[in-house]
């Protein structure tokens, strides 16, 4: 990589650049945001911003014992994600091992031809004509969510409501009604289980997994 002009921060033994990332994130998130903005990359992933400024549009850093190549050039990203490089992209071995007991080897973790096959299976559900037929359900579910938000704001003293849970429920409501149809309640149950799974996965990702440690 160095011969091709790809540089990056110097890694430490076993932990790579995790300590550097932790220091940068702690610094950027130590205080509240001065203004509310959607531009949160510099706050949540300051290492990407800093290292891209130092090392250019492509650089490499180490996530523990795993090297990661970072690209900030849109054309290069598009080329890398093309079918020509299908065997080189996707989830790494370390990512797949860390999550295999939570989400298995489904679409989120599949690579290469496995990903293509699974994507082909689910693609009919996202065809434009089929999505258009679900527009009525989507509108009704969204109106229901907005009413719930307005009711929550009306009963809150400071007029502030955390909308994350409402948007999650809206997503689950739409998918349950459109894809499960008569099995709507079962769909809702599945999404409640998925929320729990998401929480467990997030907790597990907070720990550094060293190969051979379990």
C-alpha atoms as a PDB file:
ATOM      1  CA  UNK A   1       0.000   0.000   0.000  1.00  0.00           C
ATOM      2  CA  UNK A   2       2.846   2.367   0.815  1.00  0.00           C
ATOM      3  CA  UNK A   3       4.349   1.789  -2.654  1.00  0.00           C
ATOM      4  CA  UNK A   4       1.038   2.922  -4.143  1.00  0.00           C
ATOM      5  CA  UNK A   5       1.128   6.107  -2.096  1.00  0.00           C
ATOM      6  CA  UNK A   6      -1.409   5.031   0.524  1.00  0.00           C
ATOM      7  CA  UNK A   7      -0.317   6.263   3.948  1.00  0.00           C
ATOM      8  CA  UNK A   8      -1.926   6.543   7.366  1.00  0.00           C
ATOM      9  CA  UNK A   9      -1.334   6.988  11.095  1.00  0.00           C
ATOM     10  CA  UNK A  10       1.216   4.741  12.766  1.00  0.00           C
ATOM     11  CA  UNK A  11      -0.560   1.794  14.471  1.00  0.00           C
ATOM     12  CA  UNK A  12       0.161   0.340  17.914  1.00  0.00           C
ATOM     13  CA  UNK A  13       0.639  -3.352  18.595  1.00  0.00           C
ATOM     14  CA  UNK A  14      -2.707  -5.260  18.748  1.00  0.00           C
ATOM     15  CA  UNK A  15      -4.870  -2.162  19.311  1.00  0.00           C
ATOM     16  CA  UNK A  16      -3.865  -0.426  16.084  1.00  0.00           C
ATOM     17  CA  UNK A  17      -5.259   3.126  16.017  1.00  0.00           C
ATOM     18  CA  UNK A  18      -8.187   2.488  18.377  1.00  0.00           C
ATOM     19  CA  UNK A  19      -6.628   4.604  21.129  1.00  0.00           C
ATOM     20  CA  UNK A  20      -6.124   7.530  18.734  1.00  0.00           C
ATOM     21  CA  UNK A  21      -9.754   7.268  17.604  1.00  0.00           C
ATOM     22  CA  UNK A  22     -11.018   7.139  21.206  1.00  0.00           C
ATOM     23  CA  UNK A  23      -9.031  10.277  22.127  1.00  0.00           C
ATOM     24  CA  UNK A  24     -10.343  12.223  19.118  1.00  0.00           C
ATOM     25  CA  UNK A  25     -13.977  11.184  19.687  1.00  0.00           C
ATOM     26  CA  UNK A  26     -13.780  12.008  23.394  1.00  0.00           C
ATOM     27  CA  UNK A  27     -12.475  15.470  22.549  1.00  0.00           C
ATOM     28  CA  UNK A  28     -15.147  16.281  19.948  1.00  0.00           C
ATOM     29  CA  UNK A  29     -18.063  14.939  22.027  1.00  0.00           C
ATOM     30  CA  UNK A  30     -16.982  16.381  25.405  1.00  0.00           C
ATOM     31  CA  UNK A  31     -19.254  19.424  24.944  1.00  0.00           C
ATOM     32  CA  UNK A  32     -22.730  19.969  23.542  1.00  0.00           C
ATOM     33  CA  UNK A  33     -23.090  21.143  19.945  1.00  0.00           C
ATOM     34  CA  UNK A  34     -23.122  24.925  19.638  1.00  0.00           C
ATOM     35  CA  UNK A  35     -25.840  24.739  16.999  1.00  0.00           C
ATOM     36  CA  UNK A  36     -28.067  21.851  15.928  1.00  0.00           C
ATOM     37  CA  UNK A  37     -26.814  20.592  12.589  1.00  0.00           C
ATOM     38  CA  UNK A  38     -26.936  17.450  10.454  1.00  0.00           C
ATOM     39  CA  UNK A  39     -23.222  17.840   9.708  1.00  0.00           C
ATOM     40  CA  UNK A  40     -22.045  15.501  12.477  1.00  0.00           C
ATOM     41  CA  UNK A  41     -19.217  13.654  10.718  1.00  0.00           C
ATOM     42  CA  UNK A  42     -16.553  15.842  12.295  1.00  0.00           C
ATOM     43  CA  UNK A  43     -18.098  15.285  15.714  1.00  0.00           C
ATOM     44  CA  UNK A  44     -18.756  11.531  15.614  1.00  0.00           C
ATOM     45  CA  UNK A  45     -15.939  10.448  13.278  1.00  0.00           C
ATOM     46  CA  UNK A  46     -13.243  13.090  13.706  1.00  0.00           C
ATOM     47  CA  UNK A  47     -10.503  10.623  12.742  1.00  0.00           C
ATOM     48  CA  UNK A  48     -11.877  10.402   9.185  1.00  0.00           C
ATOM     49  CA  UNK A  49     -11.850  14.175   8.834  1.00  0.00           C
ATOM     50  CA  UNK A  50      -8.412  14.668  10.395  1.00  0.00           C
ATOM     51  CA  UNK A  51      -6.625  11.816   8.608  1.00  0.00           C
ATOM     52  CA  UNK A  52      -8.142  12.647   5.213  1.00  0.00           C
ATOM     53  CA  UNK A  53      -6.768  16.157   5.605  1.00  0.00           C
ATOM     54  CA  UNK A  54      -3.320  14.839   6.537  1.00  0.00           C
ATOM     55  CA  UNK A  55      -2.983  11.806   4.256  1.00  0.00           C
ATOM     56  CA  UNK A  56      -5.226  12.697   1.338  1.00  0.00           C
ATOM     57  CA  UNK A  57      -8.347  11.211  -0.281  1.00  0.00           C
ATOM     58  CA  UNK A  58      -7.257   7.631   0.444  1.00  0.00           C
ATOM     59  CA  UNK A  59      -5.574   6.475   3.602  1.00  0.00           C
ATOM     60  CA  UNK A  60      -5.337   3.390   5.775  1.00  0.00           C
ATOM     61  CA  UNK A  61      -5.681   2.907   9.516  1.00  0.00           C
ATOM     62  CA  UNK A  62      -5.837  -0.122  11.793  1.00  0.00           C
ATOM     63  CA  UNK A  63      -8.977  -1.098  13.700  1.00  0.00           C
ATOM     64  CA  UNK A  64      -7.295  -3.325  16.259  1.00  0.00           C
ATOM     65  CA  UNK A  65      -5.552  -6.030  14.226  1.00  0.00           C
ATOM     66  CA  UNK A  66      -7.580  -5.255  11.096  1.00  0.00           C
ATOM     67  CA  UNK A  67      -6.406  -2.801   8.406  1.00  0.00           C
ATOM     68  CA  UNK A  68      -9.053  -0.515   6.902  1.00  0.00           C
ATOM     69  CA  UNK A  69      -8.728   1.426   3.668  1.00  0.00           C
ATOM     70  CA  UNK A  70     -10.671   4.701   3.650  1.00  0.00           C
ATOM     71  CA  UNK A  71     -11.690   6.402   0.409  1.00  0.00           C
ATOM     72  CA  UNK A  72     -13.151   9.901   0.145  1.00  0.00           C
ATOM     73  CA  UNK A  73     -13.096  10.158  -3.662  1.00  0.00           C
ATOM     74  CA  UNK A  74     -16.574   9.453  -5.090  1.00  0.00           C
ATOM     75  CA  UNK A  75     -15.320   8.031  -8.407  1.00  0.00           C
ATOM     76  CA  UNK A  76     -12.921   5.663  -6.680  1.00  0.00           C
ATOM     77  CA  UNK A  77     -15.666   4.462  -4.316  1.00  0.00           C
ATOM     78  CA  UNK A  78     -17.996   3.866  -7.274  1.00  0.00           C
ATOM     79  CA  UNK A  79     -15.321   1.830  -9.055  1.00  0.00           C
ATOM     80  CA  UNK A  80     -14.526  -0.240  -5.964  1.00  0.00           C
ATOM     81  CA  UNK A  81     -18.221  -1.079  -5.448  1.00  0.00           C
ATOM     82  CA  UNK A  82     -18.649  -2.226  -9.039  1.00  0.00           C
ATOM     83  CA  UNK A  83     -19.070  -5.915  -9.857  1.00  0.00           C
ATOM     84  CA  UNK A  84     -15.444  -6.067 -11.000  1.00  0.00           C
ATOM     85  CA  UNK A  85     -14.256  -5.930  -7.389  1.00  0.00           C
ATOM     86  CA  UNK A  86     -17.075  -7.923  -5.801  1.00  0.00           C
ATOM     87  CA  UNK A  87     -14.642 -10.382  -4.184  1.00  0.00           C
ATOM     88  CA  UNK A  88     -12.624  -7.564  -2.591  1.00  0.00           C
ATOM     89  CA  UNK A  89     -15.414  -5.577  -0.979  1.00  0.00           C
ATOM     90  CA  UNK A  90     -17.908  -6.296   1.780  1.00  0.00           C
ATOM     91  CA  UNK A  91     -17.603  -7.166   5.432  1.00  0.00           C
ATOM     92  CA  UNK A  92     -14.234  -8.166   6.820  1.00  0.00           C
ATOM     93  CA  UNK A  93     -13.523 -11.453   8.564  1.00  0.00           C
ATOM     94  CA  UNK A  94     -13.274  -9.661  11.923  1.00  0.00           C
ATOM     95  CA  UNK A  95     -16.666  -7.970  11.477  1.00  0.00           C
ATOM     96  CA  UNK A  96     -18.326 -11.239  10.480  1.00  0.00           C
ATOM     97  CA  UNK A  97     -16.845 -13.132  13.414  1.00  0.00           C
ATOM     98  CA  UNK A  98     -17.862 -10.460  15.913  1.00  0.00           C
ATOM     99  CA  UNK A  99     -21.523 -10.439  14.780  1.00  0.00           C
ATOM    100  CA  UNK A 100     -22.159 -13.974  13.548  1.00  0.00           C
ATOM    101  CA  UNK A 101     -23.982 -15.019  16.740  1.00  0.00           C
ATOM    102  CA  UNK A 102     -26.263 -11.961  16.532  1.00  0.00           C
ATOM    103  CA  UNK A 103     -27.206 -11.571  12.872  1.00  0.00           C
ATOM    104  CA  UNK A 104     -25.694 -14.638  11.205  1.00  0.00           C
ATOM    105  CA  UNK A 105     -24.508 -14.551   7.584  1.00  0.00           C
ATOM    106  CA  UNK A 106     -27.521 -12.849   6.008  1.00  0.00           C
ATOM    107  CA  UNK A 107     -27.614  -9.907   3.619  1.00  0.00           C
ATOM    108  CA  UNK A 108     -25.953  -7.537   6.096  1.00  0.00           C
ATOM    109  CA  UNK A 109     -22.885  -9.750   6.461  1.00  0.00           C
ATOM    110  CA  UNK A 110     -22.723 -11.610   3.149  1.00  0.00           C
ATOM    111  CA  UNK A 111     -19.911 -10.935   0.690  1.00  0.00           C
ATOM    112  CA  UNK A 112     -19.287 -11.582  -2.980  1.00  0.00           C
ATOM    113  CA  UNK A 113     -21.625 -13.923  -4.804  1.00  0.00           C
ATOM    114  CA  UNK A 114     -23.492 -14.779  -1.582  1.00  0.00           C
ATOM    115  CA  UNK A 115     -24.464 -11.111  -1.319  1.00  0.00           C
ATOM    116  CA  UNK A 116     -25.564 -10.996  -4.971  1.00  0.00           C
ATOM    117  CA  UNK A 117     -27.752 -14.089  -4.550  1.00  0.00           C
ATOM    118  CA  UNK A 118     -29.430 -12.792  -1.390  1.00  0.00           C
ATOM    119  CA  UNK A 119     -29.884  -9.333  -2.891  1.00  0.00           C
ATOM    120  CA  UNK A 120     -31.578 -10.883  -5.954  1.00  0.00           C
ATOM    121  CA  UNK A 121     -34.001 -12.737  -3.668  1.00  0.00           C
ATOM    122  CA  UNK A 122     -35.137  -9.609  -1.807  1.00  0.00           C
ATOM    123  CA  UNK A 123     -35.036  -7.183  -4.754  1.00  0.00           C
ATOM    124  CA  UNK A 124     -38.650  -7.864  -5.936  1.00  0.00           C
ATOM    125  CA  UNK A 125     -39.911  -6.329  -2.690  1.00  0.00           C
ATOM    126  CA  UNK A 126     -38.298  -3.017  -3.676  1.00  0.00           C
ATOM    127  CA  UNK A 127     -39.545  -2.780  -7.264  1.00  0.00           C
ATOM    128  CA  UNK A 128     -40.956   0.645  -8.061  1.00  0.00           C
ATOM    129  CA  UNK A 129     -44.441  -0.618  -9.029  1.00  0.00           C
ATOM    130  CA  UNK A 130     -44.781  -2.601  -5.824  1.00  0.00           C
ATOM    131  CA  UNK A 131     -43.616   0.303  -3.664  1.00  0.00           C
ATOM    132  CA  UNK A 132     -46.143   2.608  -5.362  1.00  0.00           C
ATOM    133  CA  UNK A 133     -48.943   0.226  -4.420  1.00  0.00           C
ATOM    134  CA  UNK A 134     -47.942   0.619  -0.773  1.00  0.00           C
ATOM    135  CA  UNK A 135     -48.029   4.427  -0.817  1.00  0.00           C
ATOM    136  CA  UNK A 136     -51.430   4.546   0.924  1.00  0.00           C
ATOM    137  CA  UNK A 137     -50.178   2.435   3.833  1.00  0.00           C
ATOM    138  CA  UNK A 138     -47.082   4.606   4.135  1.00  0.00           C
ATOM    139  CA  UNK A 139     -49.104   7.814   4.254  1.00  0.00           C
ATOM    140  CA  UNK A 140     -51.509   6.437   6.882  1.00  0.00           C
ATOM    141  CA  UNK A 141     -48.681   5.155   9.071  1.00  0.00           C
ATOM    142  CA  UNK A 142     -46.852   8.492   8.793  1.00  0.00           C
ATOM    143  CA  UNK A 143     -49.972  10.465   9.733  1.00  0.00           C
ATOM    144  CA  UNK A 144     -50.407   8.204  12.745  1.00  0.00           C
ATOM    145  CA  UNK A 145     -46.803   8.812  13.791  1.00  0.00           C
ATOM    146  CA  UNK A 146     -47.142  12.606  13.389  1.00  0.00           C
ATOM    147  CA  UNK A 147     -50.262  12.585  15.569  1.00  0.00           C
ATOM    148  CA  UNK A 148     -48.377  10.644  18.242  1.00  0.00           C
ATOM    149  CA  UNK A 149     -45.560  13.196  18.084  1.00  0.00           C
ATOM    150  CA  UNK A 150     -47.951  16.137  18.414  1.00  0.00           C
ATOM    151  CA  UNK A 151     -49.615  14.481  21.408  1.00  0.00           C
ATOM    152  CA  UNK A 152     -46.209  13.895  23.012  1.00  0.00           C
ATOM    153  CA  UNK A 153     -45.138  17.514  22.435  1.00  0.00           C
ATOM    154  CA  UNK A 154     -48.412  18.768  23.928  1.00  0.00           C
ATOM    155  CA  UNK A 155     -47.753  16.887  27.173  1.00  0.00           C
ATOM    156  CA  UNK A 156     -44.075  17.904  27.435  1.00  0.00           C
ATOM    157  CA  UNK A 157     -43.149  21.041  29.359  1.00  0.00           C
ATOM    158  CA  UNK A 158     -40.085  22.003  27.277  1.00  0.00           C
ATOM    159  CA  UNK A 159     -41.657  21.094  23.911  1.00  0.00           C
ATOM    160  CA  UNK A 160     -38.815  18.709  23.098  1.00  0.00           C
ATOM    161  CA  UNK A 161     -39.333  15.058  22.162  1.00  0.00           C
ATOM    162  CA  UNK A 162     -36.827  12.362  21.226  1.00  0.00           C
ATOM    163  CA  UNK A 163     -38.067  11.230  17.814  1.00  0.00           C
ATOM    164  CA  UNK A 164     -35.733   8.246  17.339  1.00  0.00           C
ATOM    165  CA  UNK A 165     -38.185   5.753  18.817  1.00  0.00           C
ATOM    166  CA  UNK A 166     -41.066   7.176  16.781  1.00  0.00           C
ATOM    167  CA  UNK A 167     -39.158   6.814  13.510  1.00  0.00           C
ATOM    168  CA  UNK A 168     -38.153   3.257  14.389  1.00  0.00           C
ATOM    169  CA  UNK A 169     -41.767   2.345  15.102  1.00  0.00           C
ATOM    170  CA  UNK A 170     -42.854   4.058  11.870  1.00  0.00           C
ATOM    171  CA  UNK A 171     -40.408   1.920   9.867  1.00  0.00           C
ATOM    172  CA  UNK A 172     -41.598  -1.239  11.601  1.00  0.00           C
ATOM    173  CA  UNK A 173     -45.245  -0.268  11.140  1.00  0.00           C
ATOM    174  CA  UNK A 174     -44.857   0.357   7.396  1.00  0.00           C
ATOM    175  CA  UNK A 175     -42.908  -2.829   6.709  1.00  0.00           C
ATOM    176  CA  UNK A 176     -45.231  -4.923   8.876  1.00  0.00           C
ATOM    177  CA  UNK A 177     -48.346  -3.675   7.060  1.00  0.00           C
ATOM    178  CA  UNK A 178     -46.902  -3.844   3.543  1.00  0.00           C
ATOM    179  CA  UNK A 179     -44.840  -7.039   3.685  1.00  0.00           C
ATOM    180  CA  UNK A 180     -46.646  -9.134   6.317  1.00  0.00           C
ATOM    181  CA  UNK A 181     -50.186  -8.006   5.482  1.00  0.00           C
ATOM    182  CA  UNK A 182     -52.481 -10.371   7.419  1.00  0.00           C
ATOM    183  CA  UNK A 183     -49.582 -11.315   9.741  1.00  0.00           C
ATOM    184  CA  UNK A 184     -49.220  -7.699  10.906  1.00  0.00           C
ATOM    185  CA  UNK A 185     -48.998  -8.596  14.600  1.00  0.00           C
ATOM    186  CA  UNK A 186     -46.290 -11.144  13.872  1.00  0.00           C
ATOM    187  CA  UNK A 187     -44.391  -8.500  11.952  1.00  0.00           C
ATOM    188  CA  UNK A 188     -44.609  -6.138  14.910  1.00  0.00           C
ATOM    189  CA  UNK A 189     -43.320  -8.874  17.186  1.00  0.00           C
ATOM    190  CA  UNK A 190     -40.369  -9.453  14.856  1.00  0.00           C
ATOM    191  CA  UNK A 191     -39.458  -5.780  14.916  1.00  0.00           C
ATOM    192  CA  UNK A 192     -39.554  -5.685  18.708  1.00  0.00           C
ATOM    193  CA  UNK A 193     -37.127  -8.595  18.721  1.00  0.00           C
ATOM    194  CA  UNK A 194     -34.970  -6.825  16.130  1.00  0.00           C
ATOM    195  CA  UNK A 195     -34.799  -3.746  18.376  1.00  0.00           C
ATOM    196  CA  UNK A 196     -33.512  -5.906  21.211  1.00  0.00           C
ATOM    197  CA  UNK A 197     -31.031  -7.529  18.838  1.00  0.00           C
ATOM    198  CA  UNK A 198     -29.851  -4.114  17.670  1.00  0.00           C
ATOM    199  CA  UNK A 199     -29.233  -3.048  21.269  1.00  0.00           C
ATOM    200  CA  UNK A 200     -27.258  -6.208  22.034  1.00  0.00           C
ATOM    201  CA  UNK A 201     -25.192  -5.843  18.867  1.00  0.00           C
ATOM    202  CA  UNK A 202     -24.365  -2.223  19.719  1.00  0.00           C
ATOM    203  CA  UNK A 203     -23.264  -3.260  23.214  1.00  0.00           C
ATOM    204  CA  UNK A 204     -21.098  -6.060  21.854  1.00  0.00           C
ATOM    205  CA  UNK A 205     -19.365  -3.700  19.425  1.00  0.00           C
ATOM    206  CA  UNK A 206     -18.092  -1.600  22.344  1.00  0.00           C
ATOM    207  CA  UNK A 207     -15.573  -4.304  23.241  1.00  0.00           C
ATOM    208  CA  UNK A 208     -12.357  -5.081  21.398  1.00  0.00           C
ATOM    209  CA  UNK A 209     -12.462  -8.663  20.145  1.00  0.00           C
ATOM    210  CA  UNK A 210      -9.048 -10.284  19.843  1.00  0.00           C
ATOM    211  CA  UNK A 211      -8.866 -13.439  17.698  1.00  0.00           C
ATOM    212  CA  UNK A 212      -8.480 -16.533  19.858  1.00  0.00           C
ATOM    213  CA  UNK A 213      -9.790 -14.850  23.009  1.00  0.00           C
ATOM    214  CA  UNK A 214     -13.022 -16.894  23.094  1.00  0.00           C
END
